[in-house]
Amino acid sequence: MTTKPLLLLAALTLCCCIASLHALPTQGCRCIRTISSRVPVRVIKTLELIPVSGHCRRTEIIITRRNGSKVCVKPEEKWVNALLSNLQKPRCVRGRASSCVGHQLLT
């Protein structure tokens, strides 16, 4: 007759485990669809580079435009690689070589 309390305890434990799994956010790839068309530099507000991880098996690049819209771009495009390399170069203010500042990428 002690099997009923054990079954009830097992059922409650299972329910708690299932509820806690739904409470945790599941992370995966953030980009469902990517574009290959060029995004003009003047409209880019931020660029987020998300490397390969346990959550997503591909590198993702998310561009936020000045109007707030976000777009995922294909990392293998030539214009994207050129943009990334330009952002990694330090930019100097004209006339003052000591005032070079680097761009920051969001990772």
PDB file of N, CA and C in Angstrom:
ATOM      1  N   MET A   1       0.801  -1.204   0.000  1.00  0.00           N
ATOM      2  CA  MET A   1       0.000   0.000   0.000  1.00  0.00           C
ATOM      3  C   MET A   1       0.847   1.272   0.000  1.00  0.00           C
ATOM      4  N   THR A   2       2.144   1.167   0.112  1.00  0.00           N
ATOM      5  CA  THR A   2       2.999   2.344   0.110  1.00  0.00           C
ATOM      6  C   THR A   2       3.383   2.783  -1.301  1.00  0.00           C
ATOM      7  N   THR A   3       2.885   2.107  -2.312  1.00  0.00           N
ATOM      8  CA  THR A   3       3.235   2.482  -3.686  1.00  0.00           C
ATOM      9  C   THR A   3       2.486   3.740  -4.128  1.00  0.00           C
ATOM     10  N   LYS A   4       1.283   3.968  -3.603  1.00  0.00           N
ATOM     11  CA  LYS A   4       0.524   5.157  -4.005  1.00  0.00           C
ATOM     12  C   LYS A   4       1.250   6.444  -3.619  1.00  0.00           C
ATOM     13  N   PRO A   5       1.766   6.597  -2.382  1.00  0.00           N
ATOM     14  CA  PRO A   5       2.501   7.829  -2.058  1.00  0.00           C
ATOM     15  C   PRO A   5       3.773   7.983  -2.893  1.00  0.00           C
ATOM     16  N   LEU A   6       4.442   6.880  -3.193  1.00  0.00           N
ATOM     17  CA  LEU A   6       5.645   6.958  -4.017  1.00  0.00           C
ATOM     18  C   LEU A   6       5.324   7.380  -5.447  1.00  0.00           C
ATOM     19  N   LEU A   7       4.226   6.848  -5.983  1.00  0.00           N
ATOM     20  CA  LEU A   7       3.801   7.245  -7.327  1.00  0.00           C
ATOM     21  C   LEU A   7       3.395   8.722  -7.351  1.00  0.00           C
ATOM     22  N   LEU A   8       2.713   9.172  -6.316  1.00  0.00           N
ATOM     23  CA  LEU A   8       2.317  10.570  -6.235  1.00  0.00           C
ATOM     24  C   LEU A   8       3.549  11.467  -6.141  1.00  0.00           C
ATOM     25  N   LEU A   9       4.519  11.080  -5.337  1.00  0.00           N
ATOM     26  CA  LEU A   9       5.756  11.844  -5.215  1.00  0.00           C
ATOM     27  C   LEU A   9       6.513  11.883  -6.540  1.00  0.00           C
ATOM     28  N   ALA A  10       6.574  10.774  -7.238  1.00  0.00           N
ATOM     29  CA  ALA A  10       7.251  10.718  -8.540  1.00  0.00           C
ATOM     30  C   ALA A  10       6.530  11.606  -9.558  1.00  0.00           C
ATOM     31  N   ALA A  11       5.197  11.579  -9.545  1.00  0.00           N
ATOM     32  CA  ALA A  11       4.428  12.407 -10.472  1.00  0.00           C
ATOM     33  C   ALA A  11       4.632  13.889 -10.182  1.00  0.00           C
ATOM     34  N   LEU A  12       4.637  14.270  -8.916  1.00  0.00           N
ATOM     35  CA  LEU A  12       4.869  15.673  -8.556  1.00  0.00           C
ATOM     36  C   LEU A  12       6.275  16.122  -8.935  1.00  0.00           C
ATOM     37  N   THR A  13       7.251  15.255  -8.707  1.00  0.00           N
ATOM     38  CA  THR A  13       8.630  15.576  -9.083  1.00  0.00           C
ATOM     39  C   THR A  13       8.743  15.771 -10.587  1.00  0.00           C
ATOM     40  N   LEU A  14       8.106  14.908 -11.362  1.00  0.00           N
ATOM     41  CA  LEU A  14       8.121  15.019 -12.815  1.00  0.00           C
ATOM     42  C   LEU A  14       7.469  16.324 -13.266  1.00  0.00           C
ATOM     43  N   CYS A  15       6.347  16.684 -12.663  1.00  0.00           N
ATOM     44  CA  CYS A  15       5.661  17.935 -13.009  1.00  0.00           C
ATOM     45  C   CYS A  15       6.543  19.144 -12.707  1.00  0.00           C
ATOM     46  N   CYS A  16       7.225  19.117 -11.566  1.00  0.00           N
ATOM     47  CA  CYS A  16       8.117  20.229 -11.213  1.00  0.00           C
ATOM     48  C   CYS A  16       9.279  20.341 -12.197  1.00  0.00           C
ATOM     49  N   CYS A  17       9.825  19.215 -12.604  1.00  0.00           N
ATOM     50  CA  CYS A  17      10.936  19.225 -13.557  1.00  0.00           C
ATOM     51  C   CYS A  17      10.494  19.780 -14.907  1.00  0.00           C
ATOM     52  N   ILE A  18       9.339  19.368 -15.368  1.00  0.00           N
ATOM     53  CA  ILE A  18       8.827  19.853 -16.650  1.00  0.00           C
ATOM     54  C   ILE A  18       8.552  21.348 -16.573  1.00  0.00           C
ATOM     55  N   ALA A  19       7.979  21.808 -15.474  1.00  0.00           N
ATOM     56  CA  ALA A  19       7.688  23.237 -15.319  1.00  0.00           C
ATOM     57  C   ALA A  19       8.975  24.054 -15.297  1.00  0.00           C
ATOM     58  N   SER A  20      10.013  23.545 -14.648  1.00  0.00           N
ATOM     59  CA  SER A  20      11.264  24.307 -14.589  1.00  0.00           C
ATOM     60  C   SER A  20      11.962  24.337 -15.945  1.00  0.00           C
ATOM     61  N   LEU A  21      11.794  23.315 -16.754  1.00  0.00           N
ATOM     62  CA  LEU A  21      12.392  23.329 -18.091  1.00  0.00           C
ATOM     63  C   LEU A  21      11.767  24.412 -18.953  1.00  0.00           C
ATOM     64  N   HIS A  22      10.471  24.622 -18.813  1.00  0.00           N
ATOM     65  CA  HIS A  22       9.797  25.657 -19.590  1.00  0.00           C
ATOM     66  C   HIS A  22      10.133  27.046 -19.077  1.00  0.00           C
ATOM     67  N   ALA A  23      10.549  27.168 -17.841  1.00  0.00           N
ATOM     68  CA  ALA A  23      10.890  28.474 -17.281  1.00  0.00           C
ATOM     69  C   ALA A  23      12.231  28.972 -17.794  1.00  0.00           C
ATOM     70  N   LEU A  24      13.146  28.079 -18.145  1.00  0.00           N
ATOM     71  CA  LEU A  24      14.448  28.482 -18.641  1.00  0.00           C
ATOM     72  C   LEU A  24      14.353  28.830 -20.120  1.00  0.00           C
ATOM     73  N   PRO A  25      14.914  29.968 -20.514  1.00  0.00           N
ATOM     74  CA  PRO A  25      14.863  30.310 -21.933  1.00  0.00           C
ATOM     75  C   PRO A  25      15.788  29.395 -22.729  1.00  0.00           C
ATOM     76  N   THR A  26      15.280  28.873 -23.809  1.00  0.00           N
ATOM     77  CA  THR A  26      16.115  28.040 -24.669  1.00  0.00           C
ATOM     78  C   THR A  26      16.744  28.950 -25.714  1.00  0.00           C
ATOM     79  N   GLN A  27      18.056  28.910 -25.786  1.00  0.00           N
ATOM     80  CA  GLN A  27      18.740  29.742 -26.750  1.00  0.00           C
ATOM     81  C   GLN A  27      19.184  28.880 -27.907  1.00  0.00           C
ATOM     82  N   GLY A  28      19.078  29.438 -29.055  1.00  0.00           N
ATOM     83  CA  GLY A  28      19.538  28.782 -30.261  1.00  0.00           C
ATOM     84  C   GLY A  28      20.056  29.855 -31.180  1.00  0.00           C
ATOM     85  N   CYS A  29      20.073  29.562 -32.438  1.00  0.00           N
ATOM     86  CA  CYS A  29      20.485  30.564 -33.412  1.00  0.00           C
ATOM     87  C   CYS A  29      19.488  31.714 -33.400  1.00  0.00           C
ATOM     88  N   ARG A  30      19.997  32.925 -33.457  1.00  0.00           N
ATOM     89  CA  ARG A  30      19.126  34.098 -33.436  1.00  0.00           C
ATOM     90  C   ARG A  30      18.688  34.485 -34.834  1.00  0.00           C
ATOM     91  N   CYS A  31      19.450  34.089 -35.837  1.00  0.00           N
ATOM     92  CA  CYS A  31      19.135  34.442 -37.226  1.00  0.00           C
ATOM     93  C   CYS A  31      18.411  33.279 -37.905  1.00  0.00           C
ATOM     94  N   ILE A  32      17.178  33.493 -38.225  1.00  0.00           N
ATOM     95  CA  ILE A  32      16.414  32.484 -38.957  1.00  0.00           C
ATOM     96  C   ILE A  32      16.701  32.613 -40.448  1.00  0.00           C
ATOM     97  N   ARG A  33      16.763  33.858 -40.901  1.00  0.00           N
ATOM     98  CA  ARG A  33      16.989  34.127 -42.321  1.00  0.00           C
ATOM     99  C   ARG A  33      18.095  35.176 -42.429  1.00  0.00           C
ATOM    100  N   THR A  34      18.984  35.009 -43.403  1.00  0.00           N
ATOM    101  CA  THR A  34      20.058  35.977 -43.626  1.00  0.00           C
ATOM    102  C   THR A  34      19.935  36.566 -45.021  1.00  0.00           C
ATOM    103  N   ILE A  35      20.473  37.771 -45.169  1.00  0.00           N
ATOM    104  CA  ILE A  35      20.467  38.418 -46.479  1.00  0.00           C
ATOM    105  C   ILE A  35      21.898  38.563 -46.962  1.00  0.00           C
ATOM    106  N   SER A  36      22.053  38.686 -48.270  1.00  0.00           N
ATOM    107  CA  SER A  36      23.383  38.878 -48.839  1.00  0.00           C
ATOM    108  C   SER A  36      23.542  40.288 -49.396  1.00  0.00           C
ATOM    109  N   SER A  37      22.445  41.040 -49.483  1.00  0.00           N
ATOM    110  CA  SER A  37      22.525  42.388 -50.058  1.00  0.00           C
ATOM    111  C   SER A  37      23.255  43.332 -49.110  1.00  0.00           C
ATOM    112  N   ARG A  38      23.966  44.275 -49.689  1.00  0.00           N
ATOM    113  CA  ARG A  38      24.801  45.216 -48.950  1.00  0.00           C
ATOM    114  C   ARG A  38      23.941  46.171 -48.124  1.00  0.00           C
ATOM    115  N   VAL A  39      24.374  46.409 -46.892  1.00  0.00           N
ATOM    116  CA  VAL A  39      23.745  47.401 -46.024  1.00  0.00           C
ATOM    117  C   VAL A  39      24.682  48.608 -46.003  1.00  0.00           C
ATOM    118  N   PRO A  40      24.202  49.787 -46.402  1.00  0.00           N
ATOM    119  CA  PRO A  40      25.086  50.961 -46.418  1.00  0.00           C
ATOM    120  C   PRO A  40      25.616  51.286 -45.023  1.00  0.00           C
ATOM    121  N   VAL A  41      26.881  51.647 -44.946  1.00  0.00           N
ATOM    122  CA  VAL A  41      27.525  51.929 -43.667  1.00  0.00           C
ATOM    123  C   VAL A  41      26.824  53.080 -42.945  1.00  0.00           C
ATOM    124  N   ARG A  42      26.326  54.048 -43.679  1.00  0.00           N
ATOM    125  CA  ARG A  42      25.713  55.223 -43.052  1.00  0.00           C
ATOM    126  C   ARG A  42      24.436  54.900 -42.282  1.00  0.00           C
ATOM    127  N   VAL A  43      23.803  53.757 -42.570  1.00  0.00           N
ATOM    128  CA  VAL A  43      22.569  53.400 -41.857  1.00  0.00           C
ATOM    129  C   VAL A  43      22.809  52.415 -40.719  1.00  0.00           C
ATOM    130  N   ILE A  44      24.049  51.962 -40.544  1.00  0.00           N
ATOM    131  CA  ILE A  44      24.351  50.984 -39.498  1.00  0.00           C
ATOM    132  C   ILE A  44      24.536  51.696 -38.158  1.00  0.00           C
ATOM    133  N   LYS A  45      23.747  51.277 -37.186  1.00  0.00           N
ATOM    134  CA  LYS A  45      23.883  51.803 -35.824  1.00  0.00           C
ATOM    135  C   LYS A  45      24.822  50.910 -35.011  1.00  0.00           C
ATOM    136  N   THR A  46      24.567  49.593 -35.007  1.00  0.00           N
ATOM    137  CA  THR A  46      25.433  48.640 -34.323  1.00  0.00           C
ATOM    138  C   THR A  46      25.581  47.383 -35.162  1.00  0.00           C
ATOM    139  N   LEU A  47      26.661  46.688 -34.897  1.00  0.00           N
ATOM    140  CA  LEU A  47      26.918  45.414 -35.553  1.00  0.00           C
ATOM    141  C   LEU A  47      27.265  44.421 -34.449  1.00  0.00           C
ATOM    142  N   GLU A  48      26.546  43.328 -34.413  1.00  0.00           N
ATOM    143  CA  GLU A  48      26.761  42.313 -33.388  1.00  0.00           C
ATOM    144  C   GLU A  48      27.284  41.045 -34.036  1.00  0.00           C
ATOM    145  N   LEU A  49      28.423  40.592 -33.579  1.00  0.00           N
ATOM    146  CA  LEU A  49      29.044  39.380 -34.097  1.00  0.00           C
ATOM    147  C   LEU A  49      28.906  38.294 -33.041  1.00  0.00           C
ATOM    148  N   ILE A  50      28.189  37.226 -33.383  1.00  0.00           N
ATOM    149  CA  ILE A  50      27.963  36.126 -32.455  1.00  0.00           C
ATOM    150  C   ILE A  50      28.715  34.909 -32.985  1.00  0.00           C
ATOM    151  N   PRO A  51      29.783  34.500 -32.283  1.00  0.00           N
ATOM    152  CA  PRO A  51      30.584  33.370 -32.773  1.00  0.00           C
ATOM    153  C   PRO A  51      29.870  32.031 -32.592  1.00  0.00           C
ATOM    154  N   VAL A  52      30.408  31.008 -33.215  1.00  0.00           N
ATOM    155  CA  VAL A  52      29.895  29.646 -33.079  1.00  0.00           C
ATOM    156  C   VAL A  52      29.945  29.259 -31.600  1.00  0.00           C
ATOM    157  N   SER A  53      28.868  28.625 -31.129  1.00  0.00           N
ATOM    158  CA  SER A  53      28.818  28.216 -29.720  1.00  0.00           C
ATOM    159  C   SER A  53      28.003  26.932 -29.611  1.00  0.00           C
ATOM    160  N   GLY A  54      27.783  26.509 -28.400  1.00  0.00           N
ATOM    161  CA  GLY A  54      26.965  25.329 -28.166  1.00  0.00           C
ATOM    162  C   GLY A  54      25.504  25.566 -28.490  1.00  0.00           C
ATOM    163  N   HIS A  55      25.113  26.852 -28.566  1.00  0.00           N
ATOM    164  CA  HIS A  55      23.716  27.184 -28.871  1.00  0.00           C
ATOM    165  C   HIS A  55      23.456  27.264 -30.372  1.00  0.00           C
ATOM    166  N   CYS A  56      24.486  27.645 -31.126  1.00  0.00           N
ATOM    167  CA  CYS A  56      24.316  27.801 -32.572  1.00  0.00           C
ATOM    168  C   CYS A  56      25.608  27.385 -33.257  1.00  0.00           C
ATOM    169  N   ARG A  57      25.498  26.605 -34.294  1.00  0.00           N
ATOM    170  CA  ARG A  57      26.666  26.039 -34.971  1.00  0.00           C
ATOM    171  C   ARG A  57      27.227  26.927 -36.071  1.00  0.00           C
ATOM    172  N   ARG A  58      26.740  28.138 -36.181  1.00  0.00           N
ATOM    173  CA  ARG A  58      27.255  29.033 -37.216  1.00  0.00           C
ATOM    174  C   ARG A  58      27.496  30.429 -36.634  1.00  0.00           C
ATOM    175  N   THR A  59      28.395  31.154 -37.267  1.00  0.00           N
ATOM    176  CA  THR A  59      28.646  32.537 -36.891  1.00  0.00           C
ATOM    177  C   THR A  59      27.481  33.379 -37.379  1.00  0.00           C
ATOM    178  N   GLU A  60      26.998  34.271 -36.513  1.00  0.00           N
ATOM    179  CA  GLU A  60      25.883  35.134 -36.888  1.00  0.00           C
ATOM    180  C   GLU A  60      26.316  36.585 -36.784  1.00  0.00           C
ATOM    181  N   ILE A  61      25.889  37.382 -37.758  1.00  0.00           N
ATOM    182  CA  ILE A  61      26.154  38.816 -37.745  1.00  0.00           C
ATOM    183  C   ILE A  61      24.813  39.528 -37.857  1.00  0.00           C
ATOM    184  N   ILE A  62      24.504  40.304 -36.821  1.00  0.00           N
ATOM    185  CA  ILE A  62      23.231  41.031 -36.772  1.00  0.00           C
ATOM    186  C   ILE A  62      23.538  42.519 -36.850  1.00  0.00           C
ATOM    187  N   ILE A  63      22.973  43.182 -37.838  1.00  0.00           N
ATOM    188  CA  ILE A  63      23.143  44.622 -38.007  1.00  0.00           C
ATOM    189  C   ILE A  63      21.860  45.304 -37.563  1.00  0.00           C
ATOM    190  N   THR A  64      22.015  46.284 -36.677  1.00  0.00           N
ATOM    191  CA  THR A  64      20.888  47.124 -36.278  1.00  0.00           C
ATOM    192  C   THR A  64      21.033  48.431 -37.034  1.00  0.00           C
ATOM    193  N   ARG A  65      19.978  48.779 -37.767  1.00  0.00           N
ATOM    194  CA  ARG A  65      20.007  50.019 -38.540  1.00  0.00           C
ATOM    195  C   ARG A  65      19.639  51.196 -37.639  1.00  0.00           C
ATOM    196  N   ARG A  66      19.900  52.391 -38.112  1.00  0.00           N
ATOM    197  CA  ARG A  66      19.595  53.596 -37.338  1.00  0.00           C
ATOM    198  C   ARG A  66      18.105  53.731 -37.041  1.00  0.00           C
ATOM    199  N   ASN A  67      17.253  53.156 -37.889  1.00  0.00           N
ATOM    200  CA  ASN A  67      15.808  53.228 -37.641  1.00  0.00           C
ATOM    201  C   ASN A  67      15.331  52.156 -36.656  1.00  0.00           C
ATOM    202  N   GLY A  68      16.261  51.335 -36.145  1.00  0.00           N
ATOM    203  CA  GLY A  68      15.925  50.327 -35.143  1.00  0.00           C
ATOM    204  C   GLY A  68      15.672  48.936 -35.701  1.00  0.00           C
ATOM    205  N   SER A  69      15.523  48.804 -37.000  1.00  0.00           N
ATOM    206  CA  SER A  69      15.285  47.479 -37.577  1.00  0.00           C
ATOM    207  C   SER A  69      16.577  46.672 -37.564  1.00  0.00           C
ATOM    208  N   LYS A  70      16.421  45.364 -37.424  1.00  0.00           N
ATOM    209  CA  LYS A  70      17.571  44.465 -37.383  1.00  0.00           C
ATOM    210  C   LYS A  70      17.547  43.543 -38.584  1.00  0.00           C
ATOM    211  N   VAL A  71      18.738  43.204 -39.054  1.00  0.00           N
ATOM    212  CA  VAL A  71      18.854  42.303 -40.189  1.00  0.00           C
ATOM    213  C   VAL A  71      20.073  41.411 -39.960  1.00  0.00           C
ATOM    214  N   CYS A  72      19.924  40.156 -40.298  1.00  0.00           N
ATOM    215  CA  CYS A  72      21.029  39.201 -40.232  1.00  0.00           C
ATOM    216  C   CYS A  72      21.665  39.112 -41.615  1.00  0.00           C
ATOM    217  N   VAL A  73      22.980  39.209 -41.639  1.00  0.00           N
ATOM    218  CA  VAL A  73      23.684  39.158 -42.920  1.00  0.00           C
ATOM    219  C   VAL A  73      24.557  37.914 -42.978  1.00  0.00           C
ATOM    220  N   LYS A  74      24.855  37.508 -44.191  1.00  0.00           N
ATOM    221  CA  LYS A  74      25.683  36.317 -44.393  1.00  0.00           C
ATOM    222  C   LYS A  74      27.141  36.663 -44.127  1.00  0.00           C
ATOM    223  N   PRO A  75      27.767  35.981 -43.169  1.00  0.00           N
ATOM    224  CA  PRO A  75      29.155  36.302 -42.811  1.00  0.00           C
ATOM    225  C   PRO A  75      30.158  36.052 -43.930  1.00  0.00           C
ATOM    226  N   GLU A  76      29.821  35.194 -44.876  1.00  0.00           N
ATOM    227  CA  GLU A  76      30.776  34.854 -45.931  1.00  0.00           C
ATOM    228  C   GLU A  76      30.776  35.848 -47.095  1.00  0.00           C
ATOM    229  N   GLU A  77      29.896  36.832 -47.078  1.00  0.00           N
ATOM    230  CA  GLU A  77      29.856  37.823 -48.161  1.00  0.00           C
ATOM    231  C   GLU A  77      31.100  38.713 -48.108  1.00  0.00           C
ATOM    232  N   LYS A  78      31.615  39.074 -49.289  1.00  0.00           N
ATOM    233  CA  LYS A  78      32.827  39.897 -49.359  1.00  0.00           C
ATOM    234  C   LYS A  78      32.622  41.254 -48.694  1.00  0.00           C
ATOM    235  N   TRP A  79      31.461  41.871 -48.888  1.00  0.00           N
ATOM    236  CA  TRP A  79      31.233  43.203 -48.326  1.00  0.00           C
ATOM    237  C   TRP A  79      31.176  43.154 -46.796  1.00  0.00           C
ATOM    238  N   VAL A  80      30.716  42.026 -46.244  1.00  0.00           N
ATOM    239  CA  VAL A  80      30.662  41.877 -44.785  1.00  0.00           C
ATOM    240  C   VAL A  80      32.076  41.744 -44.232  1.00  0.00           C
ATOM    241  N   ASN A  81      32.909  40.937 -44.901  1.00  0.00           N
ATOM    242  CA  ASN A  81      34.301  40.787 -44.468  1.00  0.00           C
ATOM    243  C   ASN A  81      35.058  42.110 -44.562  1.00  0.00           C
ATOM    244  N   ALA A  82      34.790  42.890 -45.617  1.00  0.00           N
ATOM    245  CA  ALA A  82      35.444  44.196 -45.759  1.00  0.00           C
ATOM    246  C   ALA A  82      34.975  45.145 -44.648  1.00  0.00           C
ATOM    247  N   LEU A  83      33.701  45.108 -44.327  1.00  0.00           N
ATOM    248  CA  LEU A  83      33.160  45.945 -43.254  1.00  0.00           C
ATOM    249  C   LEU A  83      33.792  45.591 -41.912  1.00  0.00           C
ATOM    250  N   LEU A  84      33.902  44.297 -41.626  1.00  0.00           N
ATOM    251  CA  LEU A  84      34.505  43.861 -40.368  1.00  0.00           C
ATOM    252  C   LEU A  84      35.974  44.263 -40.277  1.00  0.00           C
ATOM    253  N   SER A  85      36.706  44.124 -41.367  1.00  0.00           N
ATOM    254  CA  SER A  85      38.121  44.498 -41.317  1.00  0.00           C
ATOM    255  C   SER A  85      38.281  46.011 -41.181  1.00  0.00           C
ATOM    256  N   ASN A  86      37.391  46.796 -41.796  1.00  0.00           N
ATOM    257  CA  ASN A  86      37.441  48.253 -41.638  1.00  0.00           C
ATOM    258  C   ASN A  86      37.118  48.663 -40.211  1.00  0.00           C
ATOM    259  N   LEU A  87      36.208  47.977 -39.567  1.00  0.00           N
ATOM    260  CA  LEU A  87      35.837  48.314 -38.197  1.00  0.00           C
ATOM    261  C   LEU A  87      36.939  47.966 -37.214  1.00  0.00           C
ATOM    262  N   GLN A  88      37.781  47.012 -37.563  1.00  0.00           N
ATOM    263  CA  GLN A  88      38.858  46.609 -36.663  1.00  0.00           C
ATOM    264  C   GLN A  88      40.078  47.505 -36.781  1.00  0.00           C
ATOM    265  N   LYS A  89      40.157  48.311 -37.854  1.00  0.00           N
ATOM    266  CA  LYS A  89      41.275  49.230 -38.020  1.00  0.00           C
ATOM    267  C   LYS A  89      41.030  50.458 -37.156  1.00  0.00           C
ATOM    268  N   PRO A  90      42.100  50.991 -36.545  1.00  0.00           N
ATOM    269  CA  PRO A  90      41.923  52.232 -35.778  1.00  0.00           C
ATOM    270  C   PRO A  90      41.675  53.407 -36.721  1.00  0.00           C
ATOM    271  N   ARG A  91      40.848  54.328 -36.267  1.00  0.00           N
ATOM    272  CA  ARG A  91      40.551  55.515 -37.062  1.00  0.00           C
ATOM    273  C   ARG A  91      41.195  56.711 -36.360  1.00  0.00           C
ATOM    274  N   CYS A  92      41.931  57.507 -37.107  1.00  0.00           N
ATOM    275  CA  CYS A  92      42.630  58.651 -36.536  1.00  0.00           C
ATOM    276  C   CYS A  92      41.916  59.940 -36.921  1.00  0.00           C
ATOM    277  N   VAL A  93      41.873  60.864 -35.969  1.00  0.00           N
ATOM    278  CA  VAL A  93      41.330  62.183 -36.245  1.00  0.00           C
ATOM    279  C   VAL A  93      42.378  62.946 -37.039  1.00  0.00           C
ATOM    280  N   ARG A  94      41.944  63.649 -38.062  1.00  0.00           N
ATOM    281  CA  ARG A  94      42.865  64.343 -38.951  1.00  0.00           C
ATOM    282  C   ARG A  94      43.714  65.348 -38.163  1.00  0.00           C
ATOM    283  N   GLY A  95      45.014  65.280 -38.383  1.00  0.00           N
ATOM    284  CA  GLY A  95      45.932  66.233 -37.772  1.00  0.00           C
ATOM    285  C   GLY A  95      46.455  65.818 -36.412  1.00  0.00           C
ATOM    286  N   ARG A  96      45.863  64.808 -35.786  1.00  0.00           N
ATOM    287  CA  ARG A  96      46.329  64.384 -34.456  1.00  0.00           C
ATOM    288  C   ARG A  96      46.503  62.870 -34.452  1.00  0.00           C
ATOM    289  N   ALA A  97      47.723  62.428 -34.699  1.00  0.00           N
ATOM    290  CA  ALA A  97      47.994  60.996 -34.747  1.00  0.00           C
ATOM    291  C   ALA A  97      47.832  60.349 -33.383  1.00  0.00           C
ATOM    292  N   SER A  98      47.954  61.130 -32.311  1.00  0.00           N
ATOM    293  CA  SER A  98      47.835  60.553 -30.974  1.00  0.00           C
ATOM    294  C   SER A  98      46.387  60.295 -30.578  1.00  0.00           C
ATOM    295  N   SER A  99      45.443  60.772 -31.376  1.00  0.00           N
ATOM    296  CA  SER A  99      44.042  60.594 -30.995  1.00  0.00           C
ATOM    297  C   SER A  99      43.360  59.536 -31.847  1.00  0.00           C
ATOM    298  N   CYS A 100      44.022  58.413 -32.027  1.00  0.00           N
ATOM    299  CA  CYS A 100      43.430  57.301 -32.764  1.00  0.00           C
ATOM    300  C   CYS A 100      42.486  56.541 -31.856  1.00  0.00           C
ATOM    301  N   VAL A 101      41.336  56.213 -32.374  1.00  0.00           N
ATOM    302  CA  VAL A 101      40.373  55.426 -31.605  1.00  0.00           C
ATOM    303  C   VAL A 101      39.973  54.225 -32.428  1.00  0.00           C
ATOM    304  N   GLY A 102      39.742  53.111 -31.763  1.00  0.00           N
ATOM    305  CA  GLY A 102      39.295  51.903 -32.457  1.00  0.00           C
ATOM    306  C   GLY A 102      37.784  51.796 -32.389  1.00  0.00           C
ATOM    307  N   HIS A 103      37.215  51.131 -33.336  1.00  0.00           N
ATOM    308  CA  HIS A 103      35.787  50.872 -33.320  1.00  0.00           C
ATOM    309  C   HIS A 103      35.514  49.683 -32.413  1.00  0.00           C
ATOM    310  N   GLN A 104      34.339  49.608 -31.902  1.00  0.00           N
ATOM    311  CA  GLN A 104      33.995  48.478 -31.051  1.00  0.00           C
ATOM    312  C   GLN A 104      32.905  47.666 -31.726  1.00  0.00           C
ATOM    313  N   LEU A 105      33.102  46.365 -31.719  1.00  0.00           N
ATOM    314  CA  LEU A 105      32.092  45.437 -32.197  1.00  0.00           C
ATOM    315  C   LEU A 105      31.390  44.856 -30.993  1.00  0.00           C
ATOM    316  N   LEU A 106      30.102  44.670 -31.087  1.00  0.00           N
ATOM    317  CA  LEU A 106      29.359  44.014 -30.009  1.00  0.00           C
ATOM    318  C   LEU A 106      29.505  42.518 -30.181  1.00  0.00           C
ATOM    319  N   THR A 107      29.915  41.835 -29.143  1.00  0.00           N
ATOM    320  CA  THR A 107      30.022  40.375 -29.224  1.00  0.00           C
ATOM    321  C   THR A 107      29.202  39.733 -28.142  1.00  0.00           C
TER     322      THR A 107
END
